[in-house]
Amino acid sequence: MDNKRHLSDISFENKESELDEFYRREGQESFLLKAYDVETKVEVGRLFGSPYRGLADLYVHGGYRRIGIGTKLLNLYISIVKEKTTLSQLKFTCQKENKRALNLYEKLGFQFQELEETMLTCSLDLKK
């Protein structure tokens, strides 16, 4: 049996209904996306963020990395932000040392600007 994991073995769900009222204030939408192993039903990744306050959490379980889950979560997030807001740009910060995240963001078209010695601002033009 093949023990390798594949993106086709993962389901993705919008779980913003799980957010409490603080995160669902009008004009300050927040989004929670989760990835589940189809066979075990275990959460293997998540993305939590607000286009108005930034990307707060993008995590993929170690055993499920490098198969495209982070890319899929971030692409879903970008699509939802485009659909549900009128923002022209998505921005958040990232530590310079987080090379995996920066590689993912760059692959998806984000631009970087130095914010401080250890941080970068990541921005994506949503109108392209």
N, C-alpha and C. Protein backbone atom coordinates (compact mmCIF):
# COMPACT_ATOMS: atom_id res chain seq x y z
N MET A 1 0.84 -1.19 0.00
CA MET A 1 0.00 0.00 0.00
C MET A 1 0.88 1.25 0.00
N ASP A 2 0.47 2.24 -0.76
CA ASP A 2 1.20 3.51 -0.87
C ASP A 2 0.87 4.39 0.35
N ASN A 3 1.89 4.69 1.17
CA ASN A 3 1.68 5.52 2.36
C ASN A 3 1.85 7.00 2.09
N LYS A 4 2.17 7.38 0.86
CA LYS A 4 2.34 8.78 0.53
C LYS A 4 0.98 9.47 0.51
N ARG A 5 0.99 10.68 1.01
CA ARG A 5 -0.24 11.46 1.02
C ARG A 5 -0.32 12.30 -0.26
N HIS A 6 -1.54 12.53 -0.72
CA HIS A 6 -1.77 13.30 -1.94
C HIS A 6 -2.85 14.35 -1.67
N LEU A 7 -2.78 15.43 -2.41
CA LEU A 7 -3.77 16.50 -2.24
C LEU A 7 -5.19 15.99 -2.47
N SER A 8 -5.34 14.98 -3.31
CA SER A 8 -6.67 14.42 -3.57
C SER A 8 -7.24 13.69 -2.34
N ASP A 9 -6.40 13.44 -1.33
CA ASP A 9 -6.85 12.79 -0.10
C ASP A 9 -7.30 13.80 0.96
N ILE A 10 -7.34 15.08 0.59
CA ILE A 10 -7.64 16.15 1.53
C ILE A 10 -8.92 16.87 1.11
N SER A 11 -9.78 17.15 2.08
CA SER A 11 -10.97 17.97 1.81
C SER A 11 -10.76 19.34 2.45
N PHE A 12 -11.36 20.35 1.85
CA PHE A 12 -11.22 21.73 2.31
C PHE A 12 -12.60 22.29 2.61
N GLU A 13 -12.71 22.97 3.77
CA GLU A 13 -14.00 23.51 4.18
C GLU A 13 -13.86 24.92 4.72
N ASN A 14 -14.86 25.75 4.42
CA ASN A 14 -14.94 27.08 4.97
C ASN A 14 -15.67 26.96 6.31
N LYS A 15 -14.99 27.30 7.39
CA LYS A 15 -15.54 27.12 8.73
C LYS A 15 -15.76 28.46 9.44
N GLU A 16 -16.03 29.53 8.66
CA GLU A 16 -16.18 30.83 9.31
C GLU A 16 -17.36 30.83 10.29
N SER A 17 -18.30 29.89 10.15
CA SER A 17 -19.41 29.79 11.09
C SER A 17 -18.92 29.43 12.49
N GLU A 18 -17.70 28.87 12.61
CA GLU A 18 -17.15 28.51 13.92
C GLU A 18 -16.55 29.71 14.65
N LEU A 19 -16.41 30.82 13.95
CA LEU A 19 -15.81 32.00 14.57
C LEU A 19 -16.82 32.68 15.49
N ASP A 20 -16.35 33.17 16.63
CA ASP A 20 -17.27 33.86 17.53
C ASP A 20 -17.57 35.26 17.00
N GLU A 21 -18.51 35.93 17.64
CA GLU A 21 -19.01 37.22 17.18
C GLU A 21 -17.92 38.27 17.03
N PHE A 22 -16.90 38.23 17.88
CA PHE A 22 -15.81 39.20 17.80
C PHE A 22 -15.17 39.21 16.41
N TYR A 23 -15.02 38.03 15.81
CA TYR A 23 -14.37 37.92 14.52
C TYR A 23 -15.32 38.12 13.35
N ARG A 24 -16.61 38.25 13.62
CA ARG A 24 -17.59 38.40 12.54
C ARG A 24 -18.23 39.77 12.51
N ARG A 25 -17.57 40.76 13.07
CA ARG A 25 -18.13 42.12 13.05
C ARG A 25 -18.29 42.60 11.61
N GLU A 26 -19.36 43.33 11.37
CA GLU A 26 -19.61 43.84 10.03
C GLU A 26 -18.45 44.72 9.56
N GLY A 27 -18.02 44.49 8.35
CA GLY A 27 -16.93 45.26 7.78
C GLY A 27 -15.57 44.78 8.22
N GLN A 28 -15.53 43.80 9.09
CA GLN A 28 -14.27 43.26 9.59
C GLN A 28 -14.27 41.74 9.45
N GLU A 29 -14.78 41.25 8.35
CA GLU A 29 -14.90 39.81 8.16
C GLU A 29 -13.59 39.08 8.43
N SER A 30 -13.75 37.93 9.04
CA SER A 30 -12.63 37.02 9.24
C SER A 30 -13.03 35.68 8.63
N PHE A 31 -12.03 34.93 8.23
CA PHE A 31 -12.29 33.67 7.56
C PHE A 31 -11.47 32.56 8.18
N LEU A 32 -12.08 31.40 8.30
CA LEU A 32 -11.42 30.22 8.84
C LEU A 32 -11.61 29.09 7.84
N LEU A 33 -10.52 28.61 7.29
CA LEU A 33 -10.56 27.50 6.35
C LEU A 33 -9.81 26.33 6.97
N LYS A 34 -10.33 25.13 6.79
CA LYS A 34 -9.69 23.95 7.36
C LYS A 34 -9.52 22.88 6.30
N ALA A 35 -8.45 22.11 6.46
CA ALA A 35 -8.17 20.97 5.58
C ALA A 35 -8.23 19.70 6.43
N TYR A 36 -8.88 18.68 5.90
CA TYR A 36 -9.06 17.42 6.62
C TYR A 36 -8.57 16.25 5.78
N ASP A 37 -7.97 15.29 6.44
CA ASP A 37 -7.64 14.02 5.80
C ASP A 37 -8.97 13.30 5.56
N VAL A 38 -9.27 12.99 4.32
CA VAL A 38 -10.56 12.39 3.96
C VAL A 38 -10.78 11.07 4.68
N GLU A 39 -9.74 10.28 4.82
CA GLU A 39 -9.87 8.96 5.43
C GLU A 39 -10.04 9.02 6.94
N THR A 40 -9.22 9.79 7.63
CA THR A 40 -9.24 9.82 9.09
C THR A 40 -10.13 10.92 9.67
N LYS A 41 -10.51 11.89 8.85
CA LYS A 41 -11.33 13.05 9.26
C LYS A 41 -10.58 13.96 10.24
N VAL A 42 -9.27 13.83 10.32
CA VAL A 42 -8.45 14.64 11.21
C VAL A 42 -8.08 15.95 10.50
N GLU A 43 -8.14 17.05 11.24
CA GLU A 43 -7.72 18.33 10.69
C GLU A 43 -6.21 18.29 10.46
N VAL A 44 -5.79 18.61 9.25
CA VAL A 44 -4.37 18.57 8.92
C VAL A 44 -3.82 19.95 8.52
N GLY A 45 -4.69 20.93 8.41
CA GLY A 45 -4.26 22.28 8.07
C GLY A 45 -5.36 23.28 8.33
N ARG A 46 -4.94 24.54 8.49
CA ARG A 46 -5.94 25.59 8.70
C ARG A 46 -5.36 26.93 8.28
N LEU A 47 -6.26 27.82 7.94
CA LEU A 47 -5.89 29.20 7.66
C LEU A 47 -6.92 30.07 8.35
N PHE A 48 -6.45 31.00 9.15
CA PHE A 48 -7.33 31.97 9.79
C PHE A 48 -6.80 33.35 9.47
N GLY A 49 -7.67 34.21 9.03
CA GLY A 49 -7.23 35.56 8.74
C GLY A 49 -8.38 36.50 8.50
N SER A 50 -8.04 37.75 8.51
CA SER A 50 -8.97 38.82 8.18
C SER A 50 -8.29 39.71 7.16
N PRO A 51 -8.95 39.98 6.05
CA PRO A 51 -8.32 40.86 5.06
C PRO A 51 -8.08 42.26 5.62
N TYR A 52 -8.73 42.60 6.72
CA TYR A 52 -8.57 43.92 7.32
C TYR A 52 -7.52 43.94 8.42
N ARG A 53 -7.25 42.79 9.02
CA ARG A 53 -6.29 42.73 10.13
C ARG A 53 -5.08 41.86 9.80
N GLY A 54 -5.12 41.12 8.74
CA GLY A 54 -3.97 40.32 8.32
C GLY A 54 -4.18 38.83 8.45
N LEU A 55 -3.23 38.11 7.92
CA LEU A 55 -3.23 36.66 7.99
C LEU A 55 -2.70 36.27 9.35
N ALA A 56 -3.53 35.65 10.17
CA ALA A 56 -3.15 35.35 11.55
C ALA A 56 -2.54 33.96 11.70
N ASP A 57 -2.96 33.01 10.88
CA ASP A 57 -2.51 31.64 11.07
C ASP A 57 -2.64 30.86 9.78
N LEU A 58 -1.55 30.30 9.32
CA LEU A 58 -1.55 29.35 8.21
C LEU A 58 -0.67 28.21 8.67
N TYR A 59 -1.28 27.05 8.86
CA TYR A 59 -0.55 25.91 9.41
C TYR A 59 -0.93 24.64 8.68
N VAL A 60 0.08 23.83 8.39
CA VAL A 60 -0.13 22.50 7.84
C VAL A 60 0.67 21.52 8.71
N HIS A 61 0.00 20.47 9.15
CA HIS A 61 0.64 19.45 9.99
C HIS A 61 1.87 18.88 9.27
N GLY A 62 2.93 18.66 10.03
CA GLY A 62 4.21 18.21 9.48
C GLY A 62 4.12 17.03 8.53
N GLY A 63 3.31 16.06 8.83
CA GLY A 63 3.20 14.88 8.00
C GLY A 63 2.44 15.10 6.70
N TYR A 64 1.90 16.29 6.53
CA TYR A 64 1.09 16.60 5.35
C TYR A 64 1.67 17.75 4.53
N ARG A 65 2.87 18.16 4.86
CA ARG A 65 3.50 19.28 4.14
C ARG A 65 4.04 18.83 2.79
N ARG A 66 4.21 19.83 1.91
CA ARG A 66 4.83 19.65 0.59
C ARG A 66 3.94 18.89 -0.39
N ILE A 67 2.61 18.88 -0.16
CA ILE A 67 1.71 18.27 -1.15
C ILE A 67 0.70 19.28 -1.69
N GLY A 68 0.81 20.55 -1.26
CA GLY A 68 -0.04 21.59 -1.82
C GLY A 68 -1.16 22.09 -0.94
N ILE A 69 -1.23 21.64 0.31
CA ILE A 69 -2.32 22.06 1.20
C ILE A 69 -2.23 23.55 1.50
N GLY A 70 -1.06 24.06 1.84
CA GLY A 70 -0.90 25.49 2.12
C GLY A 70 -1.27 26.35 0.93
N THR A 71 -0.84 25.92 -0.25
CA THR A 71 -1.17 26.64 -1.48
C THR A 71 -2.67 26.68 -1.70
N LYS A 72 -3.31 25.54 -1.52
CA LYS A 72 -4.76 25.45 -1.72
C LYS A 72 -5.51 26.32 -0.69
N LEU A 73 -5.10 26.27 0.57
CA LEU A 73 -5.74 27.10 1.59
C LEU A 73 -5.59 28.58 1.27
N LEU A 74 -4.40 29.00 0.89
CA LEU A 74 -4.18 30.41 0.59
C LEU A 74 -4.92 30.84 -0.66
N ASN A 75 -4.97 29.99 -1.68
CA ASN A 75 -5.75 30.32 -2.88
C ASN A 75 -7.24 30.43 -2.57
N LEU A 76 -7.76 29.54 -1.72
CA LEU A 76 -9.17 29.63 -1.32
C LEU A 76 -9.43 30.94 -0.57
N TYR A 77 -8.51 31.30 0.32
CA TYR A 77 -8.62 32.54 1.09
C TYR A 77 -8.65 33.75 0.15
N ILE A 78 -7.73 33.78 -0.80
CA ILE A 78 -7.69 34.89 -1.76
C ILE A 78 -9.00 34.97 -2.54
N SER A 79 -9.53 33.84 -2.97
CA SER A 79 -10.80 33.82 -3.71
C SER A 79 -11.95 34.35 -2.86
N ILE A 80 -12.01 33.94 -1.60
CA ILE A 80 -13.08 34.40 -0.71
C ILE A 80 -12.96 35.90 -0.46
N VAL A 81 -11.75 36.38 -0.23
CA VAL A 81 -11.54 37.82 0.00
C VAL A 81 -11.99 38.61 -1.24
N LYS A 82 -11.64 38.14 -2.43
CA LYS A 82 -12.05 38.82 -3.66
C LYS A 82 -13.58 38.83 -3.79
N GLU A 83 -14.21 37.72 -3.43
CA GLU A 83 -15.66 37.58 -3.57
C GLU A 83 -16.43 38.40 -2.53
N LYS A 84 -15.94 38.46 -1.30
CA LYS A 84 -16.72 39.03 -0.21
C LYS A 84 -16.30 40.43 0.22
N THR A 85 -15.25 40.98 -0.37
CA THR A 85 -14.82 42.33 0.01
C THR A 85 -14.58 43.15 -1.25
N THR A 86 -14.37 44.43 -1.05
CA THR A 86 -14.04 45.33 -2.15
C THR A 86 -12.58 45.75 -2.10
N LEU A 87 -11.78 45.04 -1.33
CA LEU A 87 -10.36 45.38 -1.20
C LEU A 87 -9.64 45.24 -2.53
N SER A 88 -8.68 46.13 -2.75
CA SER A 88 -7.87 46.05 -3.96
C SER A 88 -6.52 45.39 -3.68
N GLN A 89 -6.21 45.24 -2.38
CA GLN A 89 -4.92 44.65 -2.02
C GLN A 89 -5.07 43.87 -0.72
N LEU A 90 -4.38 42.75 -0.65
CA LEU A 90 -4.32 41.93 0.56
C LEU A 90 -2.93 42.11 1.15
N LYS A 91 -2.86 42.44 2.45
CA LYS A 91 -1.57 42.68 3.10
C LYS A 91 -1.50 41.96 4.43
N PHE A 92 -0.31 41.51 4.76
CA PHE A 92 -0.02 40.95 6.09
C PHE A 92 1.49 40.95 6.26
N THR A 93 1.94 40.62 7.45
CA THR A 93 3.38 40.58 7.72
C THR A 93 3.86 39.15 7.87
N CYS A 94 5.16 38.97 7.67
CA CYS A 94 5.78 37.66 7.81
C CYS A 94 7.22 37.86 8.28
N GLN A 95 7.69 36.97 9.11
CA GLN A 95 9.07 37.03 9.55
C GLN A 95 9.99 36.67 8.38
N LYS A 96 11.09 37.41 8.26
CA LYS A 96 12.04 37.17 7.17
C LYS A 96 12.61 35.76 7.20
N GLU A 97 12.74 35.19 8.37
CA GLU A 97 13.35 33.86 8.49
C GLU A 97 12.39 32.73 8.09
N ASN A 98 11.13 33.02 7.89
CA ASN A 98 10.13 32.01 7.53
C ASN A 98 10.19 31.77 6.01
N LYS A 99 11.24 31.13 5.57
CA LYS A 99 11.50 30.94 4.14
C LYS A 99 10.42 30.12 3.43
N ARG A 100 9.90 29.10 4.09
CA ARG A 100 8.84 28.28 3.46
C ARG A 100 7.62 29.13 3.13
N ALA A 101 7.21 29.93 4.11
CA ALA A 101 6.04 30.79 3.89
C ALA A 101 6.32 31.81 2.79
N LEU A 102 7.49 32.43 2.84
CA LEU A 102 7.83 33.44 1.83
C LEU A 102 7.89 32.84 0.43
N ASN A 103 8.38 31.62 0.32
CA ASN A 103 8.40 30.94 -0.98
C ASN A 103 6.98 30.71 -1.50
N LEU A 104 6.08 30.30 -0.61
CA LEU A 104 4.69 30.10 -0.98
C LEU A 104 4.06 31.42 -1.42
N TYR A 105 4.24 32.46 -0.65
CA TYR A 105 3.65 33.76 -0.99
C TYR A 105 4.19 34.27 -2.33
N GLU A 106 5.48 34.12 -2.53
CA GLU A 106 6.08 34.57 -3.79
C GLU A 106 5.50 33.79 -4.98
N LYS A 107 5.34 32.49 -4.80
CA LYS A 107 4.78 31.65 -5.86
C LYS A 107 3.37 32.10 -6.25
N LEU A 108 2.64 32.66 -5.29
CA LEU A 108 1.27 33.10 -5.55
C LEU A 108 1.19 34.57 -5.98
N GLY A 109 2.34 35.21 -6.14
CA GLY A 109 2.35 36.56 -6.68
C GLY A 109 2.48 37.68 -5.68
N PHE A 110 2.72 37.38 -4.41
CA PHE A 110 2.88 38.42 -3.41
C PHE A 110 4.19 39.17 -3.63
N GLN A 111 4.17 40.46 -3.31
CA GLN A 111 5.35 41.33 -3.34
C GLN A 111 5.75 41.57 -1.89
N PHE A 112 7.04 41.84 -1.67
CA PHE A 112 7.55 42.03 -0.32
C PHE A 112 8.20 43.40 -0.17
N GLN A 113 8.00 43.95 1.02
CA GLN A 113 8.64 45.22 1.38
C GLN A 113 9.12 45.09 2.81
N GLU A 114 10.36 45.56 3.04
CA GLU A 114 10.92 45.47 4.39
C GLU A 114 10.13 46.37 5.33
N LEU A 115 9.72 45.81 6.45
CA LEU A 115 8.97 46.54 7.46
C LEU A 115 9.90 46.93 8.60
N GLU A 116 10.67 45.98 9.04
CA GLU A 116 11.68 46.21 10.07
C GLU A 116 12.74 45.13 9.89
N GLU A 117 13.70 45.11 10.76
CA GLU A 117 14.85 44.22 10.59
C GLU A 117 14.47 42.76 10.40
N THR A 118 13.45 42.29 11.10
CA THR A 118 13.10 40.88 11.03
C THR A 118 11.77 40.60 10.33
N MET A 119 11.07 41.64 9.86
CA MET A 119 9.73 41.45 9.29
C MET A 119 9.62 42.04 7.89
N LEU A 120 8.76 41.41 7.10
CA LEU A 120 8.42 41.90 5.78
C LEU A 120 6.91 42.13 5.70
N THR A 121 6.50 43.09 4.90
CA THR A 121 5.09 43.23 4.56
C THR A 121 4.90 42.48 3.25
N CYS A 122 3.90 41.61 3.23
CA CYS A 122 3.56 40.84 2.04
C CYS A 122 2.28 41.43 1.45
N SER A 123 2.25 41.73 0.17
CA SER A 123 1.06 42.32 -0.42
C SER A 123 0.76 41.69 -1.78
N LEU A 124 -0.53 41.58 -2.07
CA LEU A 124 -1.00 40.99 -3.31
C LEU A 124 -2.05 41.91 -3.90
N ASP A 125 -1.88 42.28 -5.14
CA ASP A 125 -2.86 43.08 -5.86
C ASP A 125 -4.04 42.17 -6.23
N LEU A 126 -5.20 42.46 -5.69
CA LEU A 126 -6.38 41.63 -5.90
C LEU A 126 -7.15 41.98 -7.18
N LYS A 127 -6.76 43.05 -7.84
CA LYS A 127 -7.49 43.50 -9.03
C LYS A 127 -6.90 42.97 -10.32
N LYS A 128 -5.82 42.18 -10.24
CA LYS A 128 -5.21 41.61 -11.45
C LYS A 128 -6.00 40.45 -11.96
